Amino acid sequence: MSKELGTLAMNARIFFSFIVFIAFFIAPCKLNAQGYKVNIKLAFWADTTIWNGFNPIIQTYKNYLESYPDSDYNNPYWNESEKQHYKKFDFSKTALFQKGGWCTAKYVFKEYNVVILNIEQKDSVSFLIQSMLWGDSLGKKYERFNPLAMHRYYVIKEANNWKMANALFYDTKNWIVKESEFIRYHFPFASYYSDSLANLNEQFCKALMRRFKWKA
């Protein structure tokens, strides 16, 4: 009987130790998983009291900013097409946030307001949204980092839901494209392209290839 009691006591200690071990690791996870809120401010050209059709666009943008955009995961507020093509689908992420550093989404949106400067409807399924990250009370030391950044995104309709998208593809979709032997050029107006400069670029590429014995 004493042997059985000793076994039960040992099992109880092991179980208790296991619970403490799990709690030790889960508690910080719960702390780190706590959400945060983004403070949105609206300029005249985004004022929903005047332009009430902007409400779902602003809400989609806010939802995305509050969903840890500094993290790499299948974010439900971003469009599927870009998520399938790019692991880091938000092209502004690496410029604004530091993974594992102090400049996280939670920190940035605690210190800075999101001021939506303008929302522009491009067509029935896409809106351009432009904003800046502005701190009201950063102190003299950090005032020179104000505004911290400018955001330029599109909010597009995908499967009857509004989703975030990079501005690059929509801003440049009607640009002129010209290809040479080594370089592909994208430009908005024909006057931006020069045959003579393009030829110099080609000569430069060929000179590099000869110098380093690269093959085309």
N, C-alpha and C. Protein backbone atom coordinates (compact mmCIF):
# COMPACT_ATOMS: atom_id res chain seq x y z
N MET A 1 0.83 -1.21 0.00
CA MET A 1 0.00 0.00 0.00
C MET A 1 0.87 1.27 0.00
N SER A 2 1.92 1.26 0.85
CA SER A 2 2.79 2.44 0.90
C SER A 2 3.50 2.66 -0.44
N LYS A 3 3.79 1.54 -1.12
CA LYS A 3 4.45 1.65 -2.43
C LYS A 3 3.51 2.30 -3.43
N GLU A 4 2.22 1.92 -3.39
CA GLU A 4 1.23 2.50 -4.29
C GLU A 4 1.02 3.98 -4.00
N LEU A 5 1.01 4.32 -2.70
CA LEU A 5 0.87 5.73 -2.34
C LEU A 5 2.06 6.55 -2.82
N GLY A 6 3.24 5.95 -2.71
CA GLY A 6 4.44 6.65 -3.19
C GLY A 6 4.38 6.88 -4.70
N THR A 7 3.89 5.88 -5.43
CA THR A 7 3.75 6.01 -6.89
C THR A 7 2.75 7.11 -7.24
N LEU A 8 1.62 7.13 -6.52
CA LEU A 8 0.61 8.16 -6.77
C LEU A 8 1.17 9.55 -6.49
N ALA A 9 1.92 9.66 -5.39
CA ALA A 9 2.50 10.96 -5.04
C ALA A 9 3.49 11.43 -6.11
N MET A 10 4.29 10.48 -6.62
CA MET A 10 5.25 10.82 -7.67
C MET A 10 4.53 11.27 -8.94
N ASN A 11 3.47 10.53 -9.30
CA ASN A 11 2.70 10.90 -10.50
C ASN A 11 2.06 12.27 -10.33
N ALA A 12 1.60 12.55 -9.12
CA ALA A 12 0.98 13.86 -8.86
C ALA A 12 2.01 14.98 -9.02
N ARG A 13 3.23 14.74 -8.53
CA ARG A 13 4.29 15.75 -8.66
C ARG A 13 4.65 15.97 -10.13
N ILE A 14 4.72 14.87 -10.88
CA ILE A 14 5.03 14.99 -12.32
C ILE A 14 3.95 15.78 -13.03
N PHE A 15 2.66 15.44 -12.70
CA PHE A 15 1.54 16.13 -13.34
C PHE A 15 1.57 17.62 -13.01
N PHE A 16 1.82 17.93 -11.71
CA PHE A 16 1.87 19.33 -11.28
C PHE A 16 3.00 20.08 -11.99
N SER A 17 4.16 19.41 -12.09
CA SER A 17 5.31 20.04 -12.77
C SER A 17 4.99 20.31 -14.24
N PHE A 18 4.26 19.37 -14.86
CA PHE A 18 3.88 19.52 -16.26
C PHE A 18 2.96 20.72 -16.45
N ILE A 19 1.98 20.88 -15.53
CA ILE A 19 1.05 22.00 -15.60
C ILE A 19 1.80 23.32 -15.46
N VAL A 20 2.74 23.36 -14.51
CA VAL A 20 3.53 24.58 -14.30
C VAL A 20 4.36 24.90 -15.54
N PHE A 21 4.93 23.85 -16.14
CA PHE A 21 5.75 24.02 -17.35
C PHE A 21 4.92 24.61 -18.49
N ILE A 22 3.71 24.05 -18.70
CA ILE A 22 2.84 24.54 -19.76
C ILE A 22 2.41 25.98 -19.50
N ALA A 23 2.05 26.27 -18.25
CA ALA A 23 1.61 27.62 -17.90
C ALA A 23 2.73 28.64 -18.11
N PHE A 24 3.95 28.22 -17.83
CA PHE A 24 5.11 29.10 -17.98
C PHE A 24 5.27 29.56 -19.42
N PHE A 25 5.01 28.65 -20.37
CA PHE A 25 5.18 28.99 -21.77
C PHE A 25 3.94 29.57 -22.42
N ILE A 26 2.77 29.19 -21.91
CA ILE A 26 1.54 29.69 -22.52
C ILE A 26 1.25 31.11 -22.10
N ALA A 27 1.54 31.46 -20.85
CA ALA A 27 1.23 32.80 -20.36
C ALA A 27 1.85 33.90 -21.20
N PRO A 28 3.17 33.82 -21.55
CA PRO A 28 3.74 34.85 -22.40
C PRO A 28 3.09 34.88 -23.77
N CYS A 29 2.68 33.71 -24.29
CA CYS A 29 2.04 33.65 -25.61
C CYS A 29 0.74 34.42 -25.59
N LYS A 30 -0.03 34.25 -24.49
CA LYS A 30 -1.29 34.98 -24.39
C LYS A 30 -1.03 36.47 -24.29
N LEU A 31 0.02 36.84 -23.57
CA LEU A 31 0.37 38.25 -23.43
C LEU A 31 0.75 38.84 -24.77
N ASN A 32 1.57 38.10 -25.54
CA ASN A 32 2.03 38.61 -26.83
C ASN A 32 0.91 38.63 -27.86
N ALA A 33 -0.11 37.77 -27.65
CA ALA A 33 -1.20 37.69 -28.62
C ALA A 33 -2.28 38.73 -28.38
N GLN A 34 -2.14 39.52 -27.32
CA GLN A 34 -3.13 40.54 -27.07
C GLN A 34 -3.19 41.50 -28.24
N GLY A 35 -4.42 41.88 -28.60
CA GLY A 35 -4.58 42.75 -29.75
C GLY A 35 -4.26 44.20 -29.44
N TYR A 36 -4.41 45.03 -30.43
CA TYR A 36 -4.20 46.47 -30.28
C TYR A 36 -5.17 47.17 -31.21
N LYS A 37 -5.39 48.43 -30.97
CA LYS A 37 -6.30 49.22 -31.78
C LYS A 37 -5.53 50.31 -32.53
N VAL A 38 -5.95 50.56 -33.73
CA VAL A 38 -5.34 51.61 -34.56
C VAL A 38 -6.24 52.84 -34.50
N ASN A 39 -5.63 53.97 -34.20
CA ASN A 39 -6.38 55.23 -34.14
C ASN A 39 -6.43 55.86 -35.53
N ILE A 40 -7.60 55.84 -36.15
CA ILE A 40 -7.78 56.37 -37.49
C ILE A 40 -8.31 57.80 -37.42
N LYS A 41 -7.67 58.69 -38.14
CA LYS A 41 -8.16 60.06 -38.29
C LYS A 41 -8.41 60.33 -39.77
N LEU A 42 -9.44 61.11 -40.06
CA LEU A 42 -9.85 61.33 -41.45
C LEU A 42 -9.66 62.78 -41.87
N ALA A 43 -8.97 62.99 -42.97
CA ALA A 43 -8.89 64.32 -43.58
C ALA A 43 -10.16 64.54 -44.41
N PHE A 44 -10.30 65.71 -44.97
CA PHE A 44 -11.54 66.08 -45.68
C PHE A 44 -11.89 65.09 -46.79
N TRP A 45 -10.89 64.68 -47.58
CA TRP A 45 -11.17 63.84 -48.75
C TRP A 45 -11.36 62.37 -48.38
N ALA A 46 -11.45 62.09 -47.09
CA ALA A 46 -11.77 60.74 -46.64
C ALA A 46 -12.89 60.76 -45.60
N ASP A 47 -13.50 61.92 -45.40
CA ASP A 47 -14.50 62.11 -44.36
C ASP A 47 -15.78 61.33 -44.70
N THR A 48 -16.11 60.36 -43.84
CA THR A 48 -17.27 59.51 -44.11
C THR A 48 -18.60 60.23 -43.88
N THR A 49 -18.58 61.38 -43.20
CA THR A 49 -19.82 62.15 -43.04
C THR A 49 -20.19 62.84 -44.36
N ILE A 50 -19.20 62.99 -45.23
CA ILE A 50 -19.45 63.59 -46.55
C ILE A 50 -19.51 62.51 -47.63
N TRP A 51 -18.59 61.55 -47.54
CA TRP A 51 -18.50 60.48 -48.54
C TRP A 51 -18.80 59.15 -47.84
N ASN A 52 -20.09 58.85 -47.63
CA ASN A 52 -20.44 57.67 -46.84
C ASN A 52 -20.11 56.35 -47.52
N GLY A 53 -19.82 56.37 -48.82
CA GLY A 53 -19.43 55.15 -49.51
C GLY A 53 -18.04 54.67 -49.14
N PHE A 54 -17.30 55.48 -48.39
CA PHE A 54 -15.93 55.11 -48.00
C PHE A 54 -15.88 54.19 -46.78
N ASN A 55 -16.98 54.04 -46.08
CA ASN A 55 -16.97 53.27 -44.83
C ASN A 55 -16.39 51.86 -44.96
N PRO A 56 -16.83 51.04 -45.93
CA PRO A 56 -16.26 49.68 -46.03
C PRO A 56 -14.79 49.68 -46.42
N ILE A 57 -14.34 50.72 -47.15
CA ILE A 57 -12.94 50.82 -47.55
C ILE A 57 -12.08 51.10 -46.33
N ILE A 58 -12.52 52.05 -45.51
CA ILE A 58 -11.77 52.40 -44.29
C ILE A 58 -11.76 51.22 -43.33
N GLN A 59 -12.89 50.53 -43.20
CA GLN A 59 -12.96 49.40 -42.28
C GLN A 59 -12.02 48.27 -42.70
N THR A 60 -11.93 48.02 -44.00
CA THR A 60 -11.00 46.99 -44.50
C THR A 60 -9.56 47.36 -44.19
N TYR A 61 -9.23 48.61 -44.42
CA TYR A 61 -7.88 49.12 -44.14
C TYR A 61 -7.57 49.01 -42.65
N LYS A 62 -8.50 49.41 -41.81
CA LYS A 62 -8.33 49.35 -40.35
C LYS A 62 -8.18 47.89 -39.89
N ASN A 63 -9.01 47.02 -40.42
CA ASN A 63 -8.92 45.59 -40.06
C ASN A 63 -7.54 45.04 -40.38
N TYR A 64 -7.02 45.43 -41.54
CA TYR A 64 -5.69 44.94 -41.93
C TYR A 64 -4.62 45.46 -40.99
N LEU A 65 -4.65 46.74 -40.67
CA LEU A 65 -3.63 47.32 -39.80
C LEU A 65 -3.67 46.73 -38.40
N GLU A 66 -4.84 46.26 -37.97
CA GLU A 66 -4.98 45.67 -36.64
C GLU A 66 -4.76 44.16 -36.63
N SER A 67 -4.34 43.62 -37.75
CA SER A 67 -4.17 42.16 -37.86
C SER A 67 -2.70 41.75 -37.91
N TYR A 68 -1.83 42.52 -37.27
CA TYR A 68 -0.39 42.26 -37.23
C TYR A 68 0.20 42.15 -38.65
N PRO A 69 0.18 43.26 -39.40
CA PRO A 69 0.72 43.23 -40.76
C PRO A 69 2.23 43.04 -40.82
N ASP A 70 2.91 43.08 -39.67
CA ASP A 70 4.35 42.81 -39.65
C ASP A 70 4.66 41.32 -39.62
N SER A 71 3.64 40.48 -39.48
CA SER A 71 3.84 39.04 -39.38
C SER A 71 3.59 38.35 -40.72
N ASP A 72 4.32 37.26 -40.94
CA ASP A 72 4.17 36.48 -42.17
C ASP A 72 3.16 35.36 -41.95
N TYR A 73 1.96 35.55 -42.40
CA TYR A 73 0.95 34.49 -42.31
C TYR A 73 -0.13 34.79 -43.35
N ASN A 74 -1.06 33.90 -43.49
CA ASN A 74 -2.11 34.03 -44.49
C ASN A 74 -3.15 35.05 -44.02
N ASN A 75 -2.84 36.32 -44.19
CA ASN A 75 -3.69 37.38 -43.67
C ASN A 75 -5.02 37.43 -44.44
N PRO A 76 -6.15 37.34 -43.73
CA PRO A 76 -7.45 37.27 -44.40
C PRO A 76 -7.89 38.56 -45.06
N TYR A 77 -7.20 39.67 -44.76
CA TYR A 77 -7.61 40.96 -45.31
C TYR A 77 -6.83 41.34 -46.58
N TRP A 78 -5.94 40.46 -47.03
CA TRP A 78 -5.16 40.73 -48.25
C TRP A 78 -5.69 39.87 -49.40
N ASN A 79 -5.58 40.36 -50.62
CA ASN A 79 -6.13 39.63 -51.76
C ASN A 79 -5.36 38.34 -52.04
N GLU A 80 -6.06 37.33 -52.50
CA GLU A 80 -5.49 35.99 -52.68
C GLU A 80 -4.46 35.94 -53.80
N SER A 81 -4.66 36.69 -54.85
CA SER A 81 -3.74 36.64 -56.00
C SER A 81 -2.32 37.00 -55.59
N GLU A 82 -2.15 38.09 -54.87
CA GLU A 82 -0.81 38.52 -54.45
C GLU A 82 -0.24 37.60 -53.38
N LYS A 83 -1.09 37.06 -52.52
CA LYS A 83 -0.60 36.12 -51.50
C LYS A 83 -0.05 34.85 -52.15
N GLN A 84 -0.63 34.44 -53.26
CA GLN A 84 -0.15 33.24 -53.94
C GLN A 84 1.17 33.47 -54.65
N HIS A 85 1.42 34.69 -55.08
CA HIS A 85 2.64 35.00 -55.84
C HIS A 85 3.81 35.45 -54.97
N TYR A 86 3.52 36.02 -53.81
CA TYR A 86 4.59 36.62 -53.00
C TYR A 86 4.45 36.19 -51.54
N LYS A 87 5.55 35.72 -50.97
CA LYS A 87 5.54 35.35 -49.55
C LYS A 87 5.33 36.59 -48.69
N LYS A 88 6.09 37.65 -48.96
CA LYS A 88 5.91 38.94 -48.29
C LYS A 88 5.07 39.81 -49.22
N PHE A 89 3.76 39.58 -49.19
CA PHE A 89 2.87 40.17 -50.20
C PHE A 89 2.67 41.67 -50.02
N ASP A 90 2.80 42.18 -48.80
CA ASP A 90 2.73 43.62 -48.58
C ASP A 90 4.12 44.19 -48.78
N PHE A 91 4.33 44.88 -49.90
CA PHE A 91 5.68 45.34 -50.25
C PHE A 91 6.21 46.42 -49.30
N SER A 92 5.35 47.04 -48.52
CA SER A 92 5.80 48.10 -47.61
C SER A 92 6.25 47.55 -46.26
N LYS A 93 6.01 46.27 -46.02
CA LYS A 93 6.23 45.68 -44.70
C LYS A 93 7.68 45.81 -44.23
N THR A 94 8.63 45.41 -45.05
CA THR A 94 10.03 45.39 -44.61
C THR A 94 10.60 46.79 -44.43
N ALA A 95 10.02 47.78 -45.11
CA ALA A 95 10.50 49.15 -44.95
C ALA A 95 9.97 49.79 -43.67
N LEU A 96 8.81 49.35 -43.21
CA LEU A 96 8.17 49.99 -42.06
C LEU A 96 8.42 49.26 -40.75
N PHE A 97 8.41 47.93 -40.78
CA PHE A 97 8.52 47.15 -39.55
C PHE A 97 9.85 46.41 -39.47
N GLN A 98 10.25 46.08 -38.24
CA GLN A 98 11.44 45.28 -38.00
C GLN A 98 11.03 43.99 -37.31
N LYS A 99 11.12 42.90 -38.03
CA LYS A 99 10.74 41.62 -37.44
C LYS A 99 11.71 41.26 -36.32
N GLY A 100 11.18 41.04 -35.14
CA GLY A 100 12.01 40.70 -34.00
C GLY A 100 12.65 41.91 -33.33
N GLY A 101 12.44 43.11 -33.89
CA GLY A 101 13.01 44.32 -33.31
C GLY A 101 11.96 45.12 -32.56
N TRP A 102 12.30 46.36 -32.24
CA TRP A 102 11.38 47.20 -31.47
C TRP A 102 10.29 47.79 -32.33
N CYS A 103 10.53 47.94 -33.63
CA CYS A 103 9.58 48.62 -34.51
C CYS A 103 8.55 47.63 -35.05
N THR A 104 7.71 47.14 -34.17
CA THR A 104 6.66 46.20 -34.54
C THR A 104 5.37 46.96 -34.85
N ALA A 105 4.42 46.26 -35.43
CA ALA A 105 3.12 46.89 -35.74
C ALA A 105 2.46 47.40 -34.46
N LYS A 106 2.54 46.61 -33.41
CA LYS A 106 1.91 46.99 -32.15
C LYS A 106 2.53 48.28 -31.61
N TYR A 107 3.85 48.41 -31.70
CA TYR A 107 4.53 49.61 -31.22
C TYR A 107 4.20 50.81 -32.11
N VAL A 108 4.30 50.61 -33.43
CA VAL A 108 4.08 51.71 -34.38
C VAL A 108 2.69 52.31 -34.21
N PHE A 109 1.67 51.46 -34.13
CA PHE A 109 0.31 51.98 -34.07
C PHE A 109 -0.09 52.42 -32.66
N LYS A 110 0.76 52.16 -31.69
CA LYS A 110 0.57 52.75 -30.36
C LYS A 110 1.07 54.19 -30.35
N GLU A 111 2.17 54.43 -31.05
CA GLU A 111 2.81 55.75 -31.03
C GLU A 111 2.29 56.69 -32.13
N TYR A 112 1.78 56.13 -33.20
CA TYR A 112 1.40 56.93 -34.36
C TYR A 112 -0.07 56.73 -34.73
N ASN A 113 -0.73 57.84 -35.05
CA ASN A 113 -2.08 57.80 -35.61
C ASN A 113 -1.99 57.50 -37.10
N VAL A 114 -3.04 56.92 -37.64
CA VAL A 114 -3.14 56.73 -39.09
C VAL A 114 -4.09 57.80 -39.62
N VAL A 115 -3.53 58.77 -40.31
CA VAL A 115 -4.32 59.87 -40.87
C VAL A 115 -4.60 59.57 -42.34
N ILE A 116 -5.84 59.27 -42.65
CA ILE A 116 -6.21 58.98 -44.05
C ILE A 116 -6.40 60.31 -44.76
N LEU A 117 -5.54 60.59 -45.71
CA LEU A 117 -5.54 61.88 -46.40
C LEU A 117 -6.53 61.90 -47.56
N ASN A 118 -6.66 60.76 -48.24
CA ASN A 118 -7.46 60.76 -49.46
C ASN A 118 -7.91 59.35 -49.79
N ILE A 119 -9.13 59.23 -50.25
CA ILE A 119 -9.63 57.98 -50.83
C ILE A 119 -10.20 58.32 -52.19
N GLU A 120 -9.75 57.61 -53.18
CA GLU A 120 -10.15 57.91 -54.57
C GLU A 120 -10.71 56.64 -55.22
N GLN A 121 -11.92 56.73 -55.69
CA GLN A 121 -12.52 55.59 -56.37
C GLN A 121 -12.00 55.54 -57.81
N LYS A 122 -11.36 54.42 -58.16
CA LYS A 122 -10.81 54.25 -59.50
C LYS A 122 -11.84 53.66 -60.45
N ASP A 123 -12.58 52.68 -59.97
CA ASP A 123 -13.68 52.07 -60.73
C ASP A 123 -14.59 51.40 -59.72
N SER A 124 -15.50 50.56 -60.19
CA SER A 124 -16.49 49.97 -59.29
C SER A 124 -15.89 48.94 -58.35
N VAL A 125 -14.67 48.48 -58.62
CA VAL A 125 -14.08 47.41 -57.80
C VAL A 125 -12.73 47.78 -57.21
N SER A 126 -12.35 49.04 -57.25
CA SER A 126 -11.05 49.42 -56.67
C SER A 126 -11.05 50.87 -56.20
N PHE A 127 -10.43 51.05 -55.02
CA PHE A 127 -10.26 52.38 -54.43
C PHE A 127 -8.80 52.56 -54.07
N LEU A 128 -8.27 53.74 -54.31
CA LEU A 128 -6.93 54.10 -53.84
C LEU A 128 -7.08 54.78 -52.48
N ILE A 129 -6.28 54.35 -51.51
CA ILE A 129 -6.31 54.96 -50.19
C ILE A 129 -4.89 55.41 -49.83
N GLN A 130 -4.76 56.69 -49.45
CA GLN A 130 -3.46 57.27 -49.11
C GLN A 130 -3.52 57.83 -47.70
N SER A 131 -2.50 57.53 -46.92
CA SER A 131 -2.50 57.96 -45.52
C SER A 131 -1.08 58.23 -45.05
N MET A 132 -0.96 58.79 -43.86
CA MET A 132 0.35 58.97 -43.24
C MET A 132 0.27 58.55 -41.79
N LEU A 133 1.41 58.13 -41.24
CA LEU A 133 1.52 57.77 -39.84
C LEU A 133 2.09 58.97 -39.09
N TRP A 134 1.25 59.57 -38.24
CA TRP A 134 1.60 60.82 -37.58
C TRP A 134 1.49 60.68 -36.06
N GLY A 135 2.55 61.11 -35.36
CA GLY A 135 2.55 61.06 -33.90
C GLY A 135 2.23 62.41 -33.31
N ASP A 136 1.31 62.46 -32.36
CA ASP A 136 0.91 63.74 -31.76
C ASP A 136 1.87 64.20 -30.67
N SER A 137 2.48 63.25 -29.97
CA SER A 137 3.33 63.63 -28.82
C SER A 137 4.54 62.70 -28.75
N LEU A 138 5.42 62.83 -29.70
CA LEU A 138 6.61 61.97 -29.77
C LEU A 138 7.76 62.49 -28.92
N GLY A 139 7.74 63.77 -28.60
CA GLY A 139 8.86 64.37 -27.89
C GLY A 139 9.92 64.85 -28.86
N LYS A 140 10.80 65.71 -28.38
CA LYS A 140 11.80 66.34 -29.25
C LYS A 140 12.73 65.33 -29.91
N LYS A 141 13.04 64.25 -29.19
CA LYS A 141 14.00 63.27 -29.69
C LYS A 141 13.52 62.59 -30.97
N TYR A 142 12.21 62.33 -31.04
CA TYR A 142 11.67 61.58 -32.17
C TYR A 142 10.80 62.43 -33.10
N GLU A 143 10.71 63.71 -32.84
CA GLU A 143 9.87 64.57 -33.66
C GLU A 143 10.33 64.60 -35.12
N ARG A 144 11.64 64.41 -35.32
CA ARG A 144 12.15 64.44 -36.69
C ARG A 144 11.71 63.22 -37.50
N PHE A 145 11.16 62.21 -36.83
CA PHE A 145 10.63 61.04 -37.54
C PHE A 145 9.13 61.16 -37.74
N ASN A 146 8.66 62.37 -37.91
CA ASN A 146 7.23 62.62 -38.04
C ASN A 146 6.93 63.37 -39.33
N PRO A 147 6.14 62.84 -40.24
CA PRO A 147 5.46 61.54 -40.14
C PRO A 147 6.45 60.39 -40.33
N LEU A 148 6.09 59.25 -39.77
CA LEU A 148 6.96 58.07 -39.87
C LEU A 148 6.96 57.50 -41.27
N ALA A 149 5.80 57.49 -41.92
CA ALA A 149 5.69 56.88 -43.25
C ALA A 149 4.43 57.36 -43.94
N MET A 150 4.41 57.17 -45.24
CA MET A 150 3.21 57.41 -46.04
C MET A 150 2.75 56.07 -46.59
N HIS A 151 1.47 55.81 -46.48
CA HIS A 151 0.88 54.58 -47.01
C HIS A 151 0.15 54.87 -48.31
N ARG A 152 0.30 53.98 -49.26
CA ARG A 152 -0.44 54.07 -50.53
C ARG A 152 -0.86 52.65 -50.90
N TYR A 153 -2.12 52.33 -50.67
CA TYR A 153 -2.66 51.01 -50.94
C TYR A 153 -3.87 51.11 -51.87
N TYR A 154 -4.24 49.97 -52.40
CA TYR A 154 -5.54 49.85 -53.06
C TYR A 154 -6.41 48.91 -52.22
N VAL A 155 -7.69 49.18 -52.22
CA VAL A 155 -8.68 48.26 -51.65
C VAL A 155 -9.54 47.81 -52.82
N ILE A 156 -9.55 46.50 -53.06
CA ILE A 156 -10.19 45.96 -54.27
C ILE A 156 -11.27 44.95 -53.90
N LYS A 157 -12.19 44.75 -54.82
CA LYS A 157 -13.26 43.77 -54.62
C LYS A 157 -12.79 42.41 -55.13
N GLU A 158 -12.85 41.42 -54.24
CA GLU A 158 -12.45 40.07 -54.60
C GLU A 158 -13.48 39.11 -54.03
N ALA A 159 -14.13 38.36 -54.91
CA ALA A 159 -15.18 37.41 -54.48
C ALA A 159 -16.21 38.10 -53.59
N ASN A 160 -16.58 39.31 -54.00
CA ASN A 160 -17.61 40.09 -53.31
C ASN A 160 -17.18 40.59 -51.92
N ASN A 161 -15.88 40.56 -51.64
CA ASN A 161 -15.34 41.09 -50.38
C ASN A 161 -14.24 42.09 -50.69
N TRP A 162 -14.10 43.09 -49.83
CA TRP A 162 -13.04 44.07 -50.01
C TRP A 162 -11.74 43.54 -49.41
N LYS A 163 -10.65 43.66 -50.19
CA LYS A 163 -9.34 43.17 -49.77
C LYS A 163 -8.28 44.22 -50.06
N MET A 164 -7.18 44.15 -49.31
CA MET A 164 -6.05 45.05 -49.51
C MET A 164 -5.20 44.59 -50.69
N ALA A 165 -4.52 45.56 -51.33
CA ALA A 165 -3.64 45.24 -52.47
C ALA A 165 -2.53 46.27 -52.56
N ASN A 166 -1.40 45.86 -53.12
CA ASN A 166 -0.30 46.80 -53.38
C ASN A 166 -0.70 47.78 -54.47
N ALA A 167 -0.26 49.03 -54.31
CA ALA A 167 -0.59 50.05 -55.30
C ALA A 167 0.20 49.88 -56.60
N LEU A 168 1.38 49.26 -56.50
CA LEU A 168 2.30 49.20 -57.64
C LEU A 168 1.63 48.66 -58.90
N PHE A 169 0.95 47.54 -58.79
CA PHE A 169 0.39 46.88 -59.98
C PHE A 169 -0.75 47.68 -60.59
N TYR A 170 -1.50 48.39 -59.77
CA TYR A 170 -2.64 49.16 -60.27
C TYR A 170 -2.19 50.51 -60.83
N ASP A 171 -1.18 51.10 -60.20
CA ASP A 171 -0.67 52.38 -60.69
C ASP A 171 0.05 52.24 -62.02
N THR A 172 0.61 51.06 -62.28
CA THR A 172 1.45 50.89 -63.47
C THR A 172 0.81 49.99 -64.54
N LYS A 173 -0.43 49.58 -64.34
CA LYS A 173 -1.02 48.60 -65.27
C LYS A 173 -1.20 49.15 -66.69
N ASN A 174 -1.29 50.46 -66.84
CA ASN A 174 -1.46 51.06 -68.17
C ASN A 174 -0.17 51.72 -68.68
N TRP A 175 0.93 51.46 -68.02
CA TRP A 175 2.20 52.02 -68.47
C TRP A 175 2.67 51.36 -69.76
N ILE A 176 3.49 52.08 -70.49
CA ILE A 176 4.09 51.57 -71.72
C ILE A 176 5.24 50.63 -71.36
N VAL A 177 5.36 49.54 -72.08
CA VAL A 177 6.43 48.57 -71.83
C VAL A 177 7.27 48.41 -73.10
N LYS A 178 8.57 48.52 -72.96
CA LYS A 178 9.50 48.27 -74.06
C LYS A 178 10.60 47.34 -73.58
N GLU A 179 10.97 46.41 -74.45
CA GLU A 179 12.01 45.46 -74.09
C GLU A 179 13.18 45.54 -75.06
N SER A 180 14.37 45.51 -74.50
CA SER A 180 15.59 45.43 -75.30
C SER A 180 16.20 44.05 -75.04
N GLU A 181 17.41 43.85 -75.45
CA GLU A 181 18.03 42.54 -75.30
C GLU A 181 18.22 42.17 -73.83
N PHE A 182 18.53 43.16 -72.99
CA PHE A 182 18.85 42.87 -71.59
C PHE A 182 17.90 43.53 -70.58
N ILE A 183 17.18 44.54 -70.99
CA ILE A 183 16.40 45.36 -70.05
C ILE A 183 14.96 45.50 -70.51
N ARG A 184 14.06 45.45 -69.55
CA ARG A 184 12.65 45.76 -69.81
C ARG A 184 12.33 47.09 -69.16
N TYR A 185 11.78 48.03 -69.92
CA TYR A 185 11.46 49.37 -69.44
C TYR A 185 9.95 49.52 -69.25
N HIS A 186 9.57 50.15 -68.13
CA HIS A 186 8.17 50.51 -67.86
C HIS A 186 8.13 52.01 -67.63
N PHE A 187 7.26 52.71 -68.33
CA PHE A 187 7.19 54.16 -68.15
C PHE A 187 5.79 54.65 -68.49
N PRO A 188 5.36 55.74 -67.82
CA PRO A 188 3.98 56.22 -68.00
C PRO A 188 3.73 56.99 -69.28
N PHE A 189 4.77 57.67 -69.79
CA PHE A 189 4.59 58.50 -70.99
C PHE A 189 5.71 58.21 -72.00
N ALA A 190 5.37 58.28 -73.26
CA ALA A 190 6.34 57.98 -74.30
C ALA A 190 7.55 58.91 -74.24
N SER A 191 7.33 60.14 -73.78
CA SER A 191 8.42 61.11 -73.72
C SER A 191 9.48 60.73 -72.69
N TYR A 192 9.17 59.79 -71.79
CA TYR A 192 10.12 59.37 -70.77
C TYR A 192 11.18 58.41 -71.32
N TYR A 193 10.93 57.89 -72.51
CA TYR A 193 11.83 56.88 -73.09
C TYR A 193 12.73 57.52 -74.14
N SER A 194 13.99 57.09 -74.12
CA SER A 194 14.96 57.62 -75.09
C SER A 194 15.70 56.46 -75.74
N ASP A 195 15.64 56.36 -77.05
CA ASP A 195 16.33 55.29 -77.76
C ASP A 195 17.84 55.38 -77.55
N SER A 196 18.37 56.61 -77.56
CA SER A 196 19.82 56.78 -77.42
C SER A 196 20.30 56.33 -76.03
N LEU A 197 19.52 56.67 -74.97
CA LEU A 197 19.89 56.24 -73.63
C LEU A 197 19.72 54.73 -73.46
N ALA A 198 18.70 54.19 -74.09
CA ALA A 198 18.50 52.74 -74.04
C ALA A 198 19.65 52.02 -74.72
N ASN A 199 20.16 52.59 -75.80
CA ASN A 199 21.29 51.99 -76.49
C ASN A 199 22.56 52.04 -75.62
N LEU A 200 22.76 53.14 -74.91
CA LEU A 200 23.89 53.23 -73.98
C LEU A 200 23.80 52.17 -72.88
N ASN A 201 22.59 51.95 -72.40
CA ASN A 201 22.39 50.91 -71.38
C ASN A 201 22.75 49.54 -71.91
N GLU A 202 22.38 49.28 -73.16
CA GLU A 202 22.70 47.99 -73.77
C GLU A 202 24.21 47.81 -73.91
N GLN A 203 24.89 48.87 -74.32
CA GLN A 203 26.34 48.81 -74.47
C GLN A 203 27.02 48.56 -73.12
N PHE A 204 26.49 49.19 -72.08
CA PHE A 204 27.01 49.00 -70.74
C PHE A 204 26.86 47.54 -70.30
N CYS A 205 25.68 46.97 -70.56
CA CYS A 205 25.44 45.56 -70.19
C CYS A 205 26.41 44.64 -70.93
N LYS A 206 26.61 44.90 -72.19
CA LYS A 206 27.53 44.06 -72.99
C LYS A 206 28.97 44.20 -72.49
N ALA A 207 29.36 45.42 -72.10
CA ALA A 207 30.71 45.63 -71.57
C ALA A 207 30.91 44.85 -70.27
N LEU A 208 29.90 44.84 -69.41
CA LEU A 208 29.98 44.07 -68.16
C LEU A 208 30.14 42.57 -68.45
N MET A 209 29.39 42.11 -69.42
CA MET A 209 29.44 40.68 -69.75
C MET A 209 30.81 40.29 -70.30
N ARG A 210 31.40 41.16 -71.11
CA ARG A 210 32.75 40.88 -71.64
C ARG A 210 33.77 40.91 -70.50
N ARG A 211 33.63 41.89 -69.61
CA ARG A 211 34.60 42.04 -68.54
C ARG A 211 34.63 40.86 -67.61
N PHE A 212 33.45 40.35 -67.26
CA PHE A 212 33.36 39.25 -66.30
C PHE A 212 33.09 37.90 -66.96
N LYS A 213 33.13 37.89 -68.29
CA LYS A 213 32.97 36.68 -69.08
C LYS A 213 31.66 35.96 -68.77
N TRP A 214 30.61 36.78 -68.71
CA TRP A 214 29.27 36.23 -68.51
C TRP A 214 28.68 35.83 -69.85
N LYS A 215 27.81 34.87 -69.82
CA LYS A 215 27.11 34.45 -71.03
C LYS A 215 25.67 34.93 -70.99
N ALA A 216 25.16 35.32 -72.14
CA ALA A 216 23.77 35.84 -72.22
C ALA A 216 22.78 34.71 -72.01
